[in-house]
N, C-alpha and C. Protein backbone atom coordinates (compact mmCIF):
# COMPACT_ATOMS: atom_id res chain seq x y z
N UNK A 1 71.57 -125.94 193.36
CA UNK A 1 70.65 -124.97 193.91
C UNK A 1 71.21 -123.56 193.79
N UNK A 2 72.52 -123.38 194.02
CA UNK A 2 73.15 -122.07 193.91
C UNK A 2 73.10 -121.55 192.49
N UNK A 3 73.26 -122.41 191.51
CA UNK A 3 73.22 -121.95 190.11
C UNK A 3 71.81 -121.50 189.73
N UNK A 4 70.77 -122.11 190.30
CA UNK A 4 69.39 -121.67 190.04
C UNK A 4 69.15 -120.28 190.63
N UNK A 5 69.71 -120.03 191.82
CA UNK A 5 69.57 -118.71 192.44
C UNK A 5 70.30 -117.65 191.61
N UNK A 6 71.51 -118.01 191.14
CA UNK A 6 72.28 -117.09 190.31
C UNK A 6 71.52 -116.77 189.02
N UNK A 7 70.98 -117.80 188.39
CA UNK A 7 70.22 -117.58 187.15
C UNK A 7 69.00 -116.71 187.41
N UNK A 8 68.30 -116.94 188.52
CA UNK A 8 67.12 -116.13 188.86
C UNK A 8 67.52 -114.67 189.08
N UNK A 9 68.63 -114.47 189.75
CA UNK A 9 69.11 -113.11 190.00
C UNK A 9 69.44 -112.41 188.69
N UNK A 10 70.11 -113.10 187.78
CA UNK A 10 70.46 -112.50 186.49
C UNK A 10 69.20 -112.19 185.67
N UNK A 11 68.23 -113.05 185.74
CA UNK A 11 66.97 -112.81 185.01
C UNK A 11 66.27 -111.57 185.55
N UNK A 12 66.24 -111.42 186.87
CA UNK A 12 65.62 -110.24 187.48
C UNK A 12 66.37 -108.97 187.09
N UNK A 13 67.69 -109.00 187.13
CA UNK A 13 68.50 -107.85 186.73
C UNK A 13 68.24 -107.52 185.26
N UNK A 14 68.18 -108.52 184.42
CA UNK A 14 67.93 -108.32 183.00
C UNK A 14 66.55 -107.69 182.77
N UNK A 15 65.54 -108.14 183.49
CA UNK A 15 64.19 -107.58 183.37
C UNK A 15 64.19 -106.11 183.79
N UNK A 16 64.86 -105.80 184.88
CA UNK A 16 64.94 -104.42 185.36
C UNK A 16 65.61 -103.53 184.31
N UNK A 17 66.70 -104.01 183.73
CA UNK A 17 67.41 -103.22 182.71
C UNK A 17 66.53 -103.00 181.47
N UNK A 18 65.78 -104.02 181.06
CA UNK A 18 64.88 -103.88 179.91
C UNK A 18 63.80 -102.85 180.20
N UNK A 19 63.22 -102.90 181.40
CA UNK A 19 62.18 -101.93 181.78
C UNK A 19 62.75 -100.52 181.80
N UNK A 20 63.91 -100.33 182.43
CA UNK A 20 64.54 -99.01 182.48
C UNK A 20 64.90 -98.51 181.08
N UNK A 21 65.39 -99.39 180.24
CA UNK A 21 65.69 -99.01 178.86
C UNK A 21 64.43 -98.58 178.12
N UNK A 22 63.34 -99.29 178.32
CA UNK A 22 62.07 -98.92 177.70
C UNK A 22 61.57 -97.57 178.17
N UNK A 23 61.69 -97.30 179.46
CA UNK A 23 61.29 -96.00 180.00
C UNK A 23 62.14 -94.91 179.37
N UNK A 24 63.44 -95.14 179.24
CA UNK A 24 64.33 -94.15 178.64
C UNK A 24 63.97 -93.90 177.18
N UNK A 25 63.77 -94.95 176.42
CA UNK A 25 63.46 -94.82 175.00
C UNK A 25 62.12 -94.12 174.78
N UNK A 26 61.13 -94.41 175.61
CA UNK A 26 59.79 -93.86 175.42
C UNK A 26 59.46 -92.73 176.39
N UNK A 27 60.48 -92.06 176.92
CA UNK A 27 60.27 -91.02 177.92
C UNK A 27 59.44 -89.86 177.40
N UNK A 28 59.58 -89.50 176.12
CA UNK A 28 58.78 -88.41 175.56
C UNK A 28 57.29 -88.78 175.57
N UNK A 29 56.99 -89.98 175.15
CA UNK A 29 55.59 -90.42 175.12
C UNK A 29 55.01 -90.59 176.51
N UNK A 30 55.87 -90.87 177.46
CA UNK A 30 55.42 -91.03 178.84
C UNK A 30 55.32 -89.69 179.56
N UNK A 31 55.78 -88.61 178.93
CA UNK A 31 55.70 -87.28 179.54
C UNK A 31 56.72 -87.06 180.64
N UNK A 32 57.85 -87.74 180.57
CA UNK A 32 58.84 -87.64 181.63
C UNK A 32 59.84 -86.52 181.41
N UNK A 33 59.79 -85.82 180.27
CA UNK A 33 60.76 -84.77 179.99
C UNK A 33 60.10 -83.44 179.74
N UNK A 34 58.94 -83.20 180.29
CA UNK A 34 58.24 -81.95 180.02
C UNK A 34 58.97 -80.76 180.62
N UNK A 35 59.52 -80.90 181.79
CA UNK A 35 60.24 -79.79 182.41
C UNK A 35 61.28 -80.37 183.34
N UNK A 36 62.50 -80.40 182.89
CA UNK A 36 63.56 -81.03 183.66
C UNK A 36 64.62 -79.99 183.98
N UNK A 37 65.00 -79.89 185.22
CA UNK A 37 66.06 -78.96 185.59
C UNK A 37 67.37 -79.44 185.00
N UNK A 38 68.18 -78.51 184.58
CA UNK A 38 69.46 -78.87 184.00
C UNK A 38 70.53 -77.87 184.45
N UNK A 39 71.70 -78.37 184.86
CA UNK A 39 72.75 -77.46 185.28
C UNK A 39 73.57 -76.92 184.11
N UNK A 40 73.36 -77.47 182.90
CA UNK A 40 74.15 -77.02 181.78
C UNK A 40 73.61 -75.72 181.22
N UNK A 41 74.47 -74.98 180.54
CA UNK A 41 74.07 -73.72 179.94
C UNK A 41 74.29 -73.79 178.45
N UNK A 42 73.35 -73.23 177.72
CA UNK A 42 73.48 -73.20 176.28
C UNK A 42 72.66 -72.03 175.76
N UNK A 43 73.26 -71.21 174.91
CA UNK A 43 72.54 -70.12 174.28
C UNK A 43 72.56 -70.35 172.78
N UNK A 44 71.38 -70.34 172.20
CA UNK A 44 71.25 -70.45 170.75
C UNK A 44 70.78 -69.10 170.25
N UNK A 45 71.50 -68.56 169.27
CA UNK A 45 71.15 -67.26 168.71
C UNK A 45 70.70 -67.46 167.28
N UNK A 46 69.61 -66.81 166.93
CA UNK A 46 69.12 -66.86 165.56
C UNK A 46 70.02 -66.02 164.68
N UNK A 47 70.13 -66.43 163.41
CA UNK A 47 70.91 -65.61 162.48
C UNK A 47 70.13 -64.34 162.20
N UNK A 48 70.83 -63.23 161.99
CA UNK A 48 70.19 -61.93 161.83
C UNK A 48 69.26 -61.85 160.62
N UNK A 49 69.47 -62.67 159.60
CA UNK A 49 68.66 -62.56 158.41
C UNK A 49 67.35 -63.36 158.49
N UNK A 50 67.19 -64.18 159.51
CA UNK A 50 65.99 -65.01 159.56
C UNK A 50 65.62 -65.33 161.00
N UNK A 51 64.68 -64.58 161.55
CA UNK A 51 64.20 -64.83 162.91
C UNK A 51 62.86 -65.54 162.85
N UNK A 52 62.62 -66.34 163.85
CA UNK A 52 61.32 -67.01 163.97
C UNK A 52 60.40 -66.11 164.80
N UNK A 53 59.17 -65.95 164.35
CA UNK A 53 58.21 -65.16 165.11
C UNK A 53 57.88 -65.89 166.40
N UNK A 54 57.78 -65.15 167.48
CA UNK A 54 57.41 -65.73 168.78
C UNK A 54 55.93 -66.11 168.74
N UNK A 55 55.61 -67.34 169.11
CA UNK A 55 54.19 -67.72 169.16
C UNK A 55 53.44 -66.81 170.13
N UNK A 56 52.27 -66.39 169.73
CA UNK A 56 51.47 -65.51 170.58
C UNK A 56 50.80 -66.35 171.67
N UNK A 57 50.97 -65.92 172.88
CA UNK A 57 50.33 -66.59 174.02
C UNK A 57 49.61 -65.54 174.86
N UNK A 58 48.60 -65.97 175.58
CA UNK A 58 47.93 -65.08 176.51
C UNK A 58 48.65 -65.20 177.85
N UNK A 59 49.05 -64.07 178.37
CA UNK A 59 49.79 -64.05 179.63
C UNK A 59 48.84 -63.57 180.72
N UNK A 60 48.51 -64.45 181.64
CA UNK A 60 47.68 -64.08 182.78
C UNK A 60 48.58 -64.04 184.00
N UNK A 61 48.91 -62.82 184.40
CA UNK A 61 49.84 -62.63 185.51
C UNK A 61 49.19 -62.95 186.84
N UNK A 62 50.02 -63.20 187.83
CA UNK A 62 49.52 -63.56 189.15
C UNK A 62 48.74 -62.44 189.82
N UNK A 63 48.89 -61.20 189.32
CA UNK A 63 48.10 -60.09 189.89
C UNK A 63 46.72 -59.99 189.24
N UNK A 64 46.42 -60.92 188.32
CA UNK A 64 45.11 -60.96 187.69
C UNK A 64 45.04 -60.27 186.34
N UNK A 65 46.06 -59.48 185.99
CA UNK A 65 46.05 -58.82 184.68
C UNK A 65 46.35 -59.84 183.59
N UNK A 66 45.82 -59.53 182.41
CA UNK A 66 45.98 -60.46 181.29
C UNK A 66 46.29 -59.67 180.03
N UNK A 67 47.23 -60.17 179.24
CA UNK A 67 47.53 -59.55 177.95
C UNK A 67 48.11 -60.60 177.03
N UNK A 68 48.08 -60.29 175.76
CA UNK A 68 48.68 -61.18 174.77
C UNK A 68 50.13 -60.76 174.56
N UNK A 69 50.98 -61.70 174.28
CA UNK A 69 52.38 -61.40 174.00
C UNK A 69 52.48 -60.43 172.82
N UNK A 70 51.62 -60.59 171.84
CA UNK A 70 51.65 -59.71 170.67
C UNK A 70 51.37 -58.25 171.05
N UNK A 71 50.70 -58.01 172.19
CA UNK A 71 50.46 -56.64 172.65
C UNK A 71 51.76 -55.95 173.08
N UNK A 72 52.81 -56.73 173.27
CA UNK A 72 54.09 -56.17 173.72
C UNK A 72 55.03 -55.84 172.57
N UNK A 73 54.54 -55.98 171.32
CA UNK A 73 55.38 -55.59 170.17
C UNK A 73 55.81 -54.15 170.34
N UNK A 74 57.04 -53.88 169.95
CA UNK A 74 57.62 -52.56 170.17
C UNK A 74 58.53 -52.54 171.39
N UNK A 75 58.48 -53.61 172.16
CA UNK A 75 59.34 -53.76 173.34
C UNK A 75 60.17 -55.03 173.20
N UNK A 76 61.31 -55.03 173.86
CA UNK A 76 62.09 -56.25 173.98
C UNK A 76 61.49 -57.05 175.13
N UNK A 77 61.35 -58.35 174.94
CA UNK A 77 60.72 -59.19 175.96
C UNK A 77 61.66 -60.36 176.30
N UNK A 78 61.82 -60.61 177.59
CA UNK A 78 62.48 -61.83 178.06
C UNK A 78 61.42 -62.68 178.71
N UNK A 79 61.23 -63.90 178.20
CA UNK A 79 60.37 -64.87 178.84
C UNK A 79 61.26 -65.85 179.57
N UNK A 80 61.09 -65.95 180.87
CA UNK A 80 61.91 -66.87 181.67
C UNK A 80 61.03 -68.00 182.17
N UNK A 81 61.25 -69.21 181.63
CA UNK A 81 60.49 -70.39 182.01
C UNK A 81 61.20 -71.05 183.19
N UNK A 82 60.49 -71.27 184.28
CA UNK A 82 61.11 -71.78 185.51
C UNK A 82 60.12 -72.64 186.29
N UNK A 83 60.63 -73.22 187.36
CA UNK A 83 59.82 -74.07 188.22
C UNK A 83 60.22 -73.85 189.68
N UNK A 84 59.25 -73.93 190.58
CA UNK A 84 59.53 -73.70 192.00
C UNK A 84 60.42 -74.77 192.59
N UNK A 85 60.52 -75.93 191.94
CA UNK A 85 61.33 -77.03 192.48
C UNK A 85 62.65 -77.21 191.72
N UNK A 86 63.10 -76.14 191.08
CA UNK A 86 64.32 -76.17 190.27
C UNK A 86 65.39 -75.28 190.92
N UNK A 87 66.41 -75.87 191.57
CA UNK A 87 67.43 -75.05 192.25
C UNK A 87 68.12 -74.01 191.35
N UNK A 88 68.51 -74.35 190.09
CA UNK A 88 69.12 -73.30 189.27
C UNK A 88 68.14 -72.16 188.97
N UNK A 89 66.85 -72.48 188.85
CA UNK A 89 65.84 -71.45 188.61
C UNK A 89 65.79 -70.48 189.79
N UNK A 90 65.79 -71.03 190.99
CA UNK A 90 65.69 -70.21 192.19
C UNK A 90 66.93 -69.33 192.36
N UNK A 91 68.09 -69.86 192.00
CA UNK A 91 69.32 -69.07 192.07
C UNK A 91 69.31 -67.95 191.03
N UNK A 92 68.69 -68.20 189.91
CA UNK A 92 68.67 -67.25 188.81
C UNK A 92 67.74 -66.06 189.07
N UNK A 93 66.76 -66.21 189.96
CA UNK A 93 65.77 -65.16 190.22
C UNK A 93 66.43 -63.84 190.59
N UNK A 94 67.48 -63.88 191.42
CA UNK A 94 68.14 -62.63 191.83
C UNK A 94 68.77 -61.92 190.63
N UNK A 95 69.26 -62.68 189.65
CA UNK A 95 69.84 -62.08 188.44
C UNK A 95 68.76 -61.43 187.59
N UNK A 96 67.65 -62.12 187.44
CA UNK A 96 66.53 -61.57 186.67
C UNK A 96 66.03 -60.30 187.34
N UNK A 97 65.92 -60.35 188.66
CA UNK A 97 65.45 -59.18 189.42
C UNK A 97 66.38 -57.99 189.22
N UNK A 98 67.69 -58.23 189.21
CA UNK A 98 68.66 -57.14 189.02
C UNK A 98 68.48 -56.49 187.64
N UNK A 99 68.28 -57.32 186.62
CA UNK A 99 68.05 -56.80 185.27
C UNK A 99 66.70 -56.09 185.22
N UNK A 100 65.70 -56.63 185.87
CA UNK A 100 64.36 -56.04 185.91
C UNK A 100 64.38 -54.66 186.56
N UNK A 101 65.18 -54.49 187.60
CA UNK A 101 65.25 -53.23 188.35
C UNK A 101 66.01 -52.14 187.59
N UNK A 102 66.81 -52.53 186.61
CA UNK A 102 67.57 -51.53 185.84
C UNK A 102 66.60 -50.70 185.01
N UNK A 103 67.07 -49.55 184.58
CA UNK A 103 66.24 -48.64 183.79
C UNK A 103 66.08 -49.17 182.36
N UNK A 104 65.25 -50.16 182.21
CA UNK A 104 64.98 -50.75 180.91
C UNK A 104 63.54 -50.43 180.51
N UNK A 105 63.31 -49.20 180.05
CA UNK A 105 61.96 -48.75 179.76
C UNK A 105 61.29 -49.57 178.67
N UNK A 106 62.05 -50.03 177.71
CA UNK A 106 61.48 -50.78 176.59
C UNK A 106 61.74 -52.27 176.69
N UNK A 107 61.90 -52.76 177.93
CA UNK A 107 62.13 -54.19 178.16
C UNK A 107 61.09 -54.70 179.15
N UNK A 108 60.41 -55.76 178.77
CA UNK A 108 59.50 -56.45 179.69
C UNK A 108 60.08 -57.81 180.01
N UNK A 109 60.10 -58.13 181.29
CA UNK A 109 60.56 -59.44 181.74
C UNK A 109 59.36 -60.14 182.38
N UNK A 110 59.10 -61.34 181.91
CA UNK A 110 57.96 -62.10 182.43
C UNK A 110 58.44 -63.50 182.79
N UNK A 111 58.21 -63.88 184.04
CA UNK A 111 58.50 -65.23 184.47
C UNK A 111 57.30 -66.11 184.19
N UNK A 112 57.55 -67.29 183.65
CA UNK A 112 56.48 -68.24 183.38
C UNK A 112 56.80 -69.50 184.16
N UNK A 113 56.04 -69.72 185.24
CA UNK A 113 56.30 -70.86 186.12
C UNK A 113 55.44 -72.05 185.74
N UNK A 114 55.99 -73.24 185.92
CA UNK A 114 55.20 -74.45 185.69
C UNK A 114 54.03 -74.46 186.65
N UNK A 115 53.07 -75.30 186.37
CA UNK A 115 51.90 -75.37 187.24
C UNK A 115 52.08 -76.39 188.38
N UNK A 116 53.33 -76.66 188.74
CA UNK A 116 53.59 -77.61 189.82
C UNK A 116 53.21 -77.06 191.19
N UNK A 117 53.02 -75.74 191.28
CA UNK A 117 52.66 -75.12 192.55
C UNK A 117 51.51 -74.14 192.29
N UNK A 118 50.79 -73.81 193.33
CA UNK A 118 49.70 -72.85 193.21
C UNK A 118 50.27 -71.45 192.97
N UNK A 119 49.40 -70.52 192.63
CA UNK A 119 49.82 -69.13 192.44
C UNK A 119 50.43 -68.60 193.74
N UNK A 120 49.78 -68.84 194.88
CA UNK A 120 50.29 -68.36 196.16
C UNK A 120 51.66 -68.94 196.47
N UNK A 121 51.82 -70.25 196.28
CA UNK A 121 53.12 -70.88 196.53
C UNK A 121 54.20 -70.31 195.61
N UNK A 122 53.84 -70.10 194.33
CA UNK A 122 54.79 -69.56 193.37
C UNK A 122 55.23 -68.16 193.79
N UNK A 123 54.28 -67.33 194.19
CA UNK A 123 54.62 -65.97 194.63
C UNK A 123 55.48 -65.98 195.88
N UNK A 124 55.22 -66.90 196.82
CA UNK A 124 56.03 -67.01 198.02
C UNK A 124 57.47 -67.39 197.67
N UNK A 125 57.63 -68.35 196.76
CA UNK A 125 58.97 -68.77 196.34
C UNK A 125 59.67 -67.62 195.63
N UNK A 126 58.96 -66.91 194.77
CA UNK A 126 59.55 -65.77 194.05
C UNK A 126 60.04 -64.71 195.04
N UNK A 127 59.18 -64.35 195.98
CA UNK A 127 59.53 -63.31 196.96
C UNK A 127 60.70 -63.77 197.84
N UNK A 128 60.66 -65.02 198.31
CA UNK A 128 61.73 -65.56 199.16
C UNK A 128 63.07 -65.57 198.42
N UNK A 129 63.01 -65.75 197.10
CA UNK A 129 64.22 -65.79 196.28
C UNK A 129 64.66 -64.41 195.82
N UNK A 130 63.91 -63.37 196.21
CA UNK A 130 64.32 -62.00 195.89
C UNK A 130 63.71 -61.43 194.63
N UNK A 131 62.65 -62.01 194.13
CA UNK A 131 62.05 -61.53 192.89
C UNK A 131 60.76 -60.76 193.11
N UNK A 132 60.54 -59.76 192.24
CA UNK A 132 59.29 -58.99 192.29
C UNK A 132 58.75 -58.73 190.88
N UNK A 133 59.40 -59.27 189.87
CA UNK A 133 58.99 -59.05 188.49
C UNK A 133 57.70 -59.84 188.18
N UNK A 134 57.01 -59.47 187.11
CA UNK A 134 55.74 -60.13 186.77
C UNK A 134 55.92 -61.62 186.46
N UNK A 135 54.99 -62.42 186.98
CA UNK A 135 55.04 -63.87 186.80
C UNK A 135 53.65 -64.39 186.49
N UNK A 136 53.60 -65.40 185.64
CA UNK A 136 52.36 -66.14 185.44
C UNK A 136 52.63 -67.59 185.80
N UNK A 137 51.59 -68.27 186.32
CA UNK A 137 51.67 -69.71 186.52
C UNK A 137 51.00 -70.33 185.30
N UNK A 138 51.73 -71.14 184.60
CA UNK A 138 51.31 -71.69 183.32
C UNK A 138 50.37 -72.88 183.52
N UNK A 139 49.10 -72.58 183.66
CA UNK A 139 48.08 -73.61 183.89
C UNK A 139 48.10 -74.62 182.75
N UNK A 140 48.32 -75.87 183.10
CA UNK A 140 48.40 -76.92 182.09
C UNK A 140 49.70 -76.93 181.32
N UNK A 141 50.63 -76.07 181.71
CA UNK A 141 51.94 -75.95 181.04
C UNK A 141 51.79 -75.71 179.54
N UNK A 142 50.76 -74.94 179.18
CA UNK A 142 50.47 -74.64 177.78
C UNK A 142 51.58 -73.85 177.12
N UNK A 143 52.05 -72.78 177.77
CA UNK A 143 53.13 -71.96 177.20
C UNK A 143 54.41 -72.79 177.06
N UNK A 144 54.66 -73.65 178.03
CA UNK A 144 55.83 -74.54 177.95
C UNK A 144 55.75 -75.39 176.68
N UNK A 145 54.56 -75.92 176.40
CA UNK A 145 54.37 -76.77 175.22
C UNK A 145 54.49 -75.95 173.93
N UNK A 146 53.86 -74.78 173.89
CA UNK A 146 53.88 -73.94 172.68
C UNK A 146 55.31 -73.56 172.33
N UNK A 147 56.13 -73.24 173.34
CA UNK A 147 57.51 -72.83 173.09
C UNK A 147 58.48 -74.01 173.08
N UNK A 148 57.99 -75.22 173.29
CA UNK A 148 58.86 -76.40 173.24
C UNK A 148 59.88 -76.44 174.35
N UNK A 149 59.52 -75.93 175.52
CA UNK A 149 60.46 -75.89 176.64
C UNK A 149 60.60 -77.30 177.23
N UNK A 150 61.83 -77.78 177.27
CA UNK A 150 62.11 -79.13 177.76
C UNK A 150 62.99 -79.11 179.01
N UNK A 151 63.50 -77.94 179.38
CA UNK A 151 64.37 -77.84 180.55
C UNK A 151 64.15 -76.48 181.21
N UNK A 152 64.28 -76.47 182.51
CA UNK A 152 64.21 -75.21 183.24
C UNK A 152 65.53 -74.99 183.96
N UNK A 153 65.96 -73.74 184.07
CA UNK A 153 65.38 -72.56 183.48
C UNK A 153 65.73 -72.43 182.00
N UNK A 154 64.84 -71.80 181.26
CA UNK A 154 65.08 -71.43 179.87
C UNK A 154 64.59 -70.00 179.69
N UNK A 155 65.42 -69.16 179.09
CA UNK A 155 65.06 -67.77 178.86
C UNK A 155 65.06 -67.51 177.36
N UNK A 156 63.97 -66.91 176.89
CA UNK A 156 63.81 -66.60 175.47
C UNK A 156 63.80 -65.08 175.30
N UNK A 157 64.65 -64.59 174.39
CA UNK A 157 64.70 -63.15 174.08
C UNK A 157 63.89 -62.91 172.81
N UNK A 158 63.02 -61.90 172.88
CA UNK A 158 62.16 -61.54 171.75
C UNK A 158 62.40 -60.07 171.43
N UNK A 159 62.67 -59.78 170.17
CA UNK A 159 62.96 -58.40 169.77
C UNK A 159 61.65 -57.59 169.64
N UNK A 160 61.76 -56.28 169.45
CA UNK A 160 60.56 -55.44 169.37
C UNK A 160 59.61 -55.80 168.21
N UNK A 161 60.08 -56.51 167.21
CA UNK A 161 59.23 -56.94 166.10
C UNK A 161 58.49 -58.25 166.42
N UNK A 162 58.75 -58.81 167.60
CA UNK A 162 58.09 -60.05 167.99
C UNK A 162 58.79 -61.31 167.53
N UNK A 163 60.08 -61.18 167.21
CA UNK A 163 60.85 -62.32 166.72
C UNK A 163 61.78 -62.85 167.81
N UNK A 164 61.92 -64.17 167.89
CA UNK A 164 62.83 -64.80 168.85
C UNK A 164 64.26 -64.59 168.34
N UNK A 165 65.09 -63.97 169.16
CA UNK A 165 66.47 -63.72 168.76
C UNK A 165 67.47 -64.64 169.44
N UNK A 166 67.11 -65.17 170.62
CA UNK A 166 68.02 -66.07 171.33
C UNK A 166 67.23 -66.89 172.35
N UNK A 167 67.75 -68.09 172.60
CA UNK A 167 67.19 -68.97 173.64
C UNK A 167 68.36 -69.42 174.51
N UNK A 168 68.26 -69.18 175.80
CA UNK A 168 69.31 -69.59 176.74
C UNK A 168 68.73 -70.67 177.64
N UNK A 169 69.33 -71.85 177.60
CA UNK A 169 68.89 -72.96 178.45
C UNK A 169 69.89 -73.13 179.58
N UNK A 170 69.38 -73.18 180.80
CA UNK A 170 70.23 -73.31 181.98
C UNK A 170 70.31 -71.99 182.73
N UNK A 171 70.99 -72.02 183.83
CA UNK A 171 71.19 -70.85 184.68
C UNK A 171 71.82 -69.72 183.88
N UNK A 172 71.28 -68.51 184.02
CA UNK A 172 71.84 -67.34 183.33
C UNK A 172 72.29 -66.31 184.36
N UNK A 173 73.52 -65.85 184.20
CA UNK A 173 74.04 -64.79 185.06
C UNK A 173 73.40 -63.46 184.64
N UNK A 174 73.60 -62.44 185.46
CA UNK A 174 73.10 -61.11 185.13
C UNK A 174 73.69 -60.63 183.80
N UNK A 175 74.96 -60.92 183.57
CA UNK A 175 75.63 -60.52 182.33
C UNK A 175 75.04 -61.26 181.13
N UNK A 176 74.75 -62.54 181.30
CA UNK A 176 74.15 -63.30 180.20
C UNK A 176 72.75 -62.80 179.87
N UNK A 177 71.98 -62.42 180.89
CA UNK A 177 70.65 -61.86 180.65
C UNK A 177 70.75 -60.53 179.92
N UNK A 178 71.71 -59.69 180.33
CA UNK A 178 71.93 -58.41 179.66
C UNK A 178 72.34 -58.63 178.20
N UNK A 179 73.12 -59.66 177.96
CA UNK A 179 73.54 -60.00 176.59
C UNK A 179 72.34 -60.43 175.75
N UNK A 180 71.42 -61.19 176.35
CA UNK A 180 70.21 -61.60 175.62
C UNK A 180 69.39 -60.37 175.22
N UNK A 181 69.29 -59.41 176.14
CA UNK A 181 68.56 -58.18 175.84
C UNK A 181 69.26 -57.41 174.72
N UNK A 182 70.57 -57.31 174.81
CA UNK A 182 71.34 -56.59 173.79
C UNK A 182 71.16 -57.23 172.41
N UNK A 183 71.17 -58.56 172.34
CA UNK A 183 70.97 -59.26 171.07
C UNK A 183 69.58 -58.97 170.51
N UNK A 184 68.60 -58.90 171.38
CA UNK A 184 67.22 -58.65 170.93
C UNK A 184 67.04 -57.21 170.48
N UNK A 185 67.86 -56.31 170.98
CA UNK A 185 67.74 -54.90 170.63
C UNK A 185 68.65 -54.51 169.45
N UNK A 186 69.50 -55.43 169.02
CA UNK A 186 70.45 -55.13 167.92
C UNK A 186 69.75 -55.03 166.59
């Protein structure tokens, strides 16, 4: 009788492992990695001779104003993809705010939040975390999909010609954000 119980237990454990393995293997198809917080940091810089054009998106800010990203050509743009339920994102807001408050006349910083929270909730979280820079709530996470964002926070630097010059995944310090701007302006 004990060996039957042991065998049943092993079969159950084996079934659980197979199911978990299947979920892991098919996580992209199941939509489980659309926006995942990550504590790691990584910056990818484009080579100077070949930049990728930033996909044009319509930015509808929480204040109701709307513009296309292409309307910002001639300026350096930082797009910061974040989520209200991402601790590194919330810690990073004060750094983004510090860079936003600096005299950067030709730099636009736009936060793009997942649609996990309403506009009001997003604004409350932004304000509580010390931010006042422009933010849009990405209805349907369309901008996340267009830019291939798989982890939050992710910051994308776009030069005045509308080309992506660097992508930083993970928490970014004030110095790292300034470096992204400098790379986009080089």
